[in-house]
């Protein structure tokens, strides 16, 4: 979960720097959704999607993930590939109690001149327990 892991004292979150290798910042035809988005809307550019995370990540003291279902990847046609994975994560806000969630992500990748980039992404999370997080491998 490179780019998403956070610890207290880390440098300020920078979506483009931390996660830019995964997203196509020049495209306006993306479909990016995460139910962490307070507006629960599909974002069509990486810059717009980054606004979701700039509104949330600075409120977190730390975020840690454990992959519980390794990415299953299949070719989806020339220049496209699809992956699905599941992970459990712990979010410790700067104020309040830690949250434990399990998330499933479905990503359609598109091959661009800069390499494979996320074209369509859907992430859905649901609450879980601290014990489930601790026991995940």
C-alpha atoms as a PDB file:
ATOM      1  CA  UNK A   1       0.000   0.000   0.000  1.00  0.00           C
ATOM      2  CA  UNK A   2       2.872   2.284  -0.918  1.00  0.00           C
ATOM      3  CA  UNK A   3       1.862   5.927  -0.714  1.00  0.00           C
ATOM      4  CA  UNK A   4      -1.091   5.316   1.602  1.00  0.00           C
ATOM      5  CA  UNK A   5       0.806   4.253   4.727  1.00  0.00           C
ATOM      6  CA  UNK A   6       1.124   7.107   7.209  1.00  0.00           C
ATOM      7  CA  UNK A   7       2.877   7.521  10.557  1.00  0.00           C
ATOM      8  CA  UNK A   8       2.848  10.384  13.030  1.00  0.00           C
ATOM      9  CA  UNK A   9       5.577  12.825  12.019  1.00  0.00           C
ATOM     10  CA  UNK A  10       5.578  11.872   8.327  1.00  0.00           C
ATOM     11  CA  UNK A  11       6.024  14.682   5.798  1.00  0.00           C
ATOM     12  CA  UNK A  12       2.831  16.423   4.745  1.00  0.00           C
ATOM     13  CA  UNK A  13       0.650  14.254   2.500  1.00  0.00           C
ATOM     14  CA  UNK A  14       1.111  15.038  -1.199  1.00  0.00           C
ATOM     15  CA  UNK A  15      -1.193  13.003  -3.437  1.00  0.00           C
ATOM     16  CA  UNK A  16       0.698  13.704  -6.648  1.00  0.00           C
ATOM     17  CA  UNK A  17       4.102  12.953  -5.105  1.00  0.00           C
ATOM     18  CA  UNK A  18       3.019  10.022  -2.930  1.00  0.00           C
ATOM     19  CA  UNK A  19       0.648   8.330  -5.404  1.00  0.00           C
ATOM     20  CA  UNK A  20       1.282   9.987  -8.762  1.00  0.00           C
ATOM     21  CA  UNK A  21       2.854   6.917 -10.303  1.00  0.00           C
ATOM     22  CA  UNK A  22      -0.552   5.207 -10.144  1.00  0.00           C
ATOM     23  CA  UNK A  23      -2.737   8.003 -11.548  1.00  0.00           C
ATOM     24  CA  UNK A  24      -2.954   9.711 -14.947  1.00  0.00           C
ATOM     25  CA  UNK A  25      -3.072  13.423 -14.149  1.00  0.00           C
ATOM     26  CA  UNK A  26      -3.566  14.349 -17.800  1.00  0.00           C
ATOM     27  CA  UNK A  27      -6.807  12.400 -18.333  1.00  0.00           C
ATOM     28  CA  UNK A  28     -10.310  13.746 -17.884  1.00  0.00           C
ATOM     29  CA  UNK A  29     -12.115  10.469 -18.584  1.00  0.00           C
ATOM     30  CA  UNK A  30     -11.336   8.654 -15.334  1.00  0.00           C
ATOM     31  CA  UNK A  31     -13.917   7.111 -12.994  1.00  0.00           C
ATOM     32  CA  UNK A  32     -12.546   7.175  -9.441  1.00  0.00           C
ATOM     33  CA  UNK A  33     -14.765   6.364  -6.460  1.00  0.00           C
ATOM     34  CA  UNK A  34     -14.123   5.715  -2.797  1.00  0.00           C
ATOM     35  CA  UNK A  35     -16.842   5.608  -0.175  1.00  0.00           C
ATOM     36  CA  UNK A  36     -14.508   7.585   2.104  1.00  0.00           C
ATOM     37  CA  UNK A  37     -15.442  10.545  -0.131  1.00  0.00           C
ATOM     38  CA  UNK A  38     -17.860  12.656   1.953  1.00  0.00           C
ATOM     39  CA  UNK A  39     -19.648  13.603  -1.286  1.00  0.00           C
ATOM     40  CA  UNK A  40     -19.855   9.963  -2.482  1.00  0.00           C
ATOM     41  CA  UNK A  41     -19.321  10.956  -6.086  1.00  0.00           C
ATOM     42  CA  UNK A  42     -17.340   9.617  -9.010  1.00  0.00           C
ATOM     43  CA  UNK A  43     -14.308  11.798  -9.737  1.00  0.00           C
ATOM     44  CA  UNK A  44     -13.203  12.172 -13.367  1.00  0.00           C
ATOM     45  CA  UNK A  45      -9.688  13.543 -12.880  1.00  0.00           C
ATOM     46  CA  UNK A  46      -6.854  12.560 -10.572  1.00  0.00           C
ATOM     47  CA  UNK A  47      -6.664  16.149  -9.314  1.00  0.00           C
ATOM     48  CA  UNK A  48     -10.348  16.090  -8.337  1.00  0.00           C
ATOM     49  CA  UNK A  49      -9.902  12.692  -6.668  1.00  0.00           C
ATOM     50  CA  UNK A  50      -6.927  14.041  -4.734  1.00  0.00           C
ATOM     51  CA  UNK A  51      -9.230  16.625  -3.100  1.00  0.00           C
ATOM     52  CA  UNK A  52     -10.980  13.792  -1.264  1.00  0.00           C
ATOM     53  CA  UNK A  53      -7.700  12.742   0.321  1.00  0.00           C
ATOM     54  CA  UNK A  54      -6.418  16.254   1.031  1.00  0.00           C
ATOM     55  CA  UNK A  55      -9.619  16.704   3.051  1.00  0.00           C
ATOM     56  CA  UNK A  56      -9.091  13.498   5.034  1.00  0.00           C
ATOM     57  CA  UNK A  57      -5.450  12.445   5.366  1.00  0.00           C
ATOM     58  CA  UNK A  58      -4.312  15.543   7.327  1.00  0.00           C
ATOM     59  CA  UNK A  59      -6.852  14.534  10.018  1.00  0.00           C
ATOM     60  CA  UNK A  60      -5.133  11.163  10.481  1.00  0.00           C
ATOM     61  CA  UNK A  61      -2.236  10.559  12.842  1.00  0.00           C
ATOM     62  CA  UNK A  62      -1.512   7.235  11.176  1.00  0.00           C
ATOM     63  CA  UNK A  63      -2.918   4.761   8.656  1.00  0.00           C
ATOM     64  CA  UNK A  64      -1.734   1.166   8.312  1.00  0.00           C
ATOM     65  CA  UNK A  65      -2.890  -1.544   5.922  1.00  0.00           C
ATOM     66  CA  UNK A  66      -2.624  -5.316   5.678  1.00  0.00           C
ATOM     67  CA  UNK A  67      -3.532  -7.013   2.416  1.00  0.00           C
ATOM     68  CA  UNK A  68      -5.947  -9.869   3.120  1.00  0.00           C
ATOM     69  CA  UNK A  69      -6.591 -10.892  -0.492  1.00  0.00           C
ATOM     70  CA  UNK A  70      -3.703 -10.461  -2.900  1.00  0.00           C
ATOM     71  CA  UNK A  71      -4.492  -8.655  -6.146  1.00  0.00           C
ATOM     72  CA  UNK A  72      -6.097 -10.889  -8.726  1.00  0.00           C
ATOM     73  CA  UNK A  73      -5.152  -9.480 -12.120  1.00  0.00           C
ATOM     74  CA  UNK A  74      -6.621 -10.342 -15.519  1.00  0.00           C
ATOM     75  CA  UNK A  75      -6.092  -8.845 -18.951  1.00  0.00           C
ATOM     76  CA  UNK A  76      -9.225  -6.973 -19.991  1.00  0.00           C
ATOM     77  CA  UNK A  77      -8.312  -6.305 -23.620  1.00  0.00           C
ATOM     78  CA  UNK A  78      -5.536  -4.566 -25.488  1.00  0.00           C
ATOM     79  CA  UNK A  79      -4.053  -1.928 -23.220  1.00  0.00           C
ATOM     80  CA  UNK A  80      -6.295  -2.709 -20.224  1.00  0.00           C
ATOM     81  CA  UNK A  81      -6.006  -4.905 -17.157  1.00  0.00           C
ATOM     82  CA  UNK A  82      -8.291  -5.426 -14.172  1.00  0.00           C
ATOM     83  CA  UNK A  83      -7.352  -6.138 -10.563  1.00  0.00           C
ATOM     84  CA  UNK A  84      -9.305  -6.800  -7.382  1.00  0.00           C
ATOM     85  CA  UNK A  85      -7.933  -6.997  -3.858  1.00  0.00           C
ATOM     86  CA  UNK A  86      -9.020  -6.711  -0.258  1.00  0.00           C
ATOM     87  CA  UNK A  87      -7.232  -5.168   2.692  1.00  0.00           C
ATOM     88  CA  UNK A  88      -7.879  -4.373   6.323  1.00  0.00           C
ATOM     89  CA  UNK A  89      -6.682  -1.087   7.733  1.00  0.00           C
ATOM     90  CA  UNK A  90      -6.352   0.914  10.916  1.00  0.00           C
ATOM     91  CA  UNK A  91      -6.922   4.663  10.892  1.00  0.00           C
ATOM     92  CA  UNK A  92      -5.850   6.589  13.979  1.00  0.00           C
ATOM     93  CA  UNK A  93      -7.279  10.098  13.789  1.00  0.00           C
ATOM     94  CA  UNK A  94      -5.513  13.000  15.472  1.00  0.00           C
ATOM     95  CA  UNK A  95      -8.646  13.291  17.612  1.00  0.00           C
ATOM     96  CA  UNK A  96     -10.908  10.412  18.564  1.00  0.00           C
ATOM     97  CA  UNK A  97     -10.694   6.650  18.578  1.00  0.00           C
ATOM     98  CA  UNK A  98      -8.985   4.397  16.073  1.00  0.00           C
ATOM     99  CA  UNK A  99     -11.143   2.998  13.280  1.00  0.00           C
ATOM    100  CA  UNK A 100     -10.734  -0.464  11.790  1.00  0.00           C
ATOM    101  CA  UNK A 101     -12.066  -1.184   8.329  1.00  0.00           C
ATOM    102  CA  UNK A 102     -11.896  -3.786   5.601  1.00  0.00           C
ATOM    103  CA  UNK A 103     -11.931  -2.540   2.025  1.00  0.00           C
ATOM    104  CA  UNK A 104     -12.354  -4.145  -1.363  1.00  0.00           C
ATOM    105  CA  UNK A 105     -10.913  -2.344  -4.348  1.00  0.00           C
ATOM    106  CA  UNK A 106     -11.609  -2.963  -8.015  1.00  0.00           C
ATOM    107  CA  UNK A 107      -9.282  -1.228 -10.467  1.00  0.00           C
ATOM    108  CA  UNK A 108      -9.229  -1.080 -14.249  1.00  0.00           C
ATOM    109  CA  UNK A 109      -5.726  -0.160 -15.389  1.00  0.00           C
ATOM    110  CA  UNK A 110      -4.961   1.486 -18.728  1.00  0.00           C
ATOM    111  CA  UNK A 111      -1.576   1.369 -20.427  1.00  0.00           C
ATOM    112  CA  UNK A 112      -0.412   4.898 -21.246  1.00  0.00           C
ATOM    113  CA  UNK A 113       2.802   6.362 -22.629  1.00  0.00           C
ATOM    114  CA  UNK A 114       3.888   6.762 -18.976  1.00  0.00           C
ATOM    115  CA  UNK A 115       3.048   3.154 -18.074  1.00  0.00           C
ATOM    116  CA  UNK A 116       0.077   1.495 -16.386  1.00  0.00           C
ATOM    117  CA  UNK A 117      -2.259   4.008 -14.712  1.00  0.00           C
ATOM    118  CA  UNK A 118      -5.585   3.691 -12.918  1.00  0.00           C
ATOM    119  CA  UNK A 119      -8.470   4.337 -15.325  1.00  0.00           C
ATOM    120  CA  UNK A 120     -11.409   3.227 -13.188  1.00  0.00           C
ATOM    121  CA  UNK A 121     -11.306   2.597  -9.445  1.00  0.00           C
ATOM    122  CA  UNK A 122     -13.977   1.620  -6.944  1.00  0.00           C
ATOM    123  CA  UNK A 123     -13.205   1.255  -3.243  1.00  0.00           C
ATOM    124  CA  UNK A 124     -15.770   0.267  -0.637  1.00  0.00           C
ATOM    125  CA  UNK A 125     -14.988  -0.136   3.057  1.00  0.00           C
ATOM    126  CA  UNK A 126     -16.946  -1.498   5.977  1.00  0.00           C
ATOM    127  CA  UNK A 127     -16.183  -1.475   9.700  1.00  0.00           C
ATOM    128  CA  UNK A 128     -14.356  -4.370  11.288  1.00  0.00           C
ATOM    129  CA  UNK A 129     -12.782  -4.987  14.680  1.00  0.00           C
ATOM    130  CA  UNK A 130      -9.370  -4.205  16.117  1.00  0.00           C
ATOM    131  CA  UNK A 131      -8.967  -7.948  16.606  1.00  0.00           C
ATOM    132  CA  UNK A 132      -9.606  -8.638  12.914  1.00  0.00           C
ATOM    133  CA  UNK A 133      -6.946  -6.067  12.044  1.00  0.00           C
ATOM    134  CA  UNK A 134      -4.439  -7.487  14.539  1.00  0.00           C
ATOM    135  CA  UNK A 135      -5.037 -11.054  13.307  1.00  0.00           C
ATOM    136  CA  UNK A 136      -4.712 -10.201   9.607  1.00  0.00           C
ATOM    137  CA  UNK A 137      -1.510 -11.316   7.943  1.00  0.00           C
END
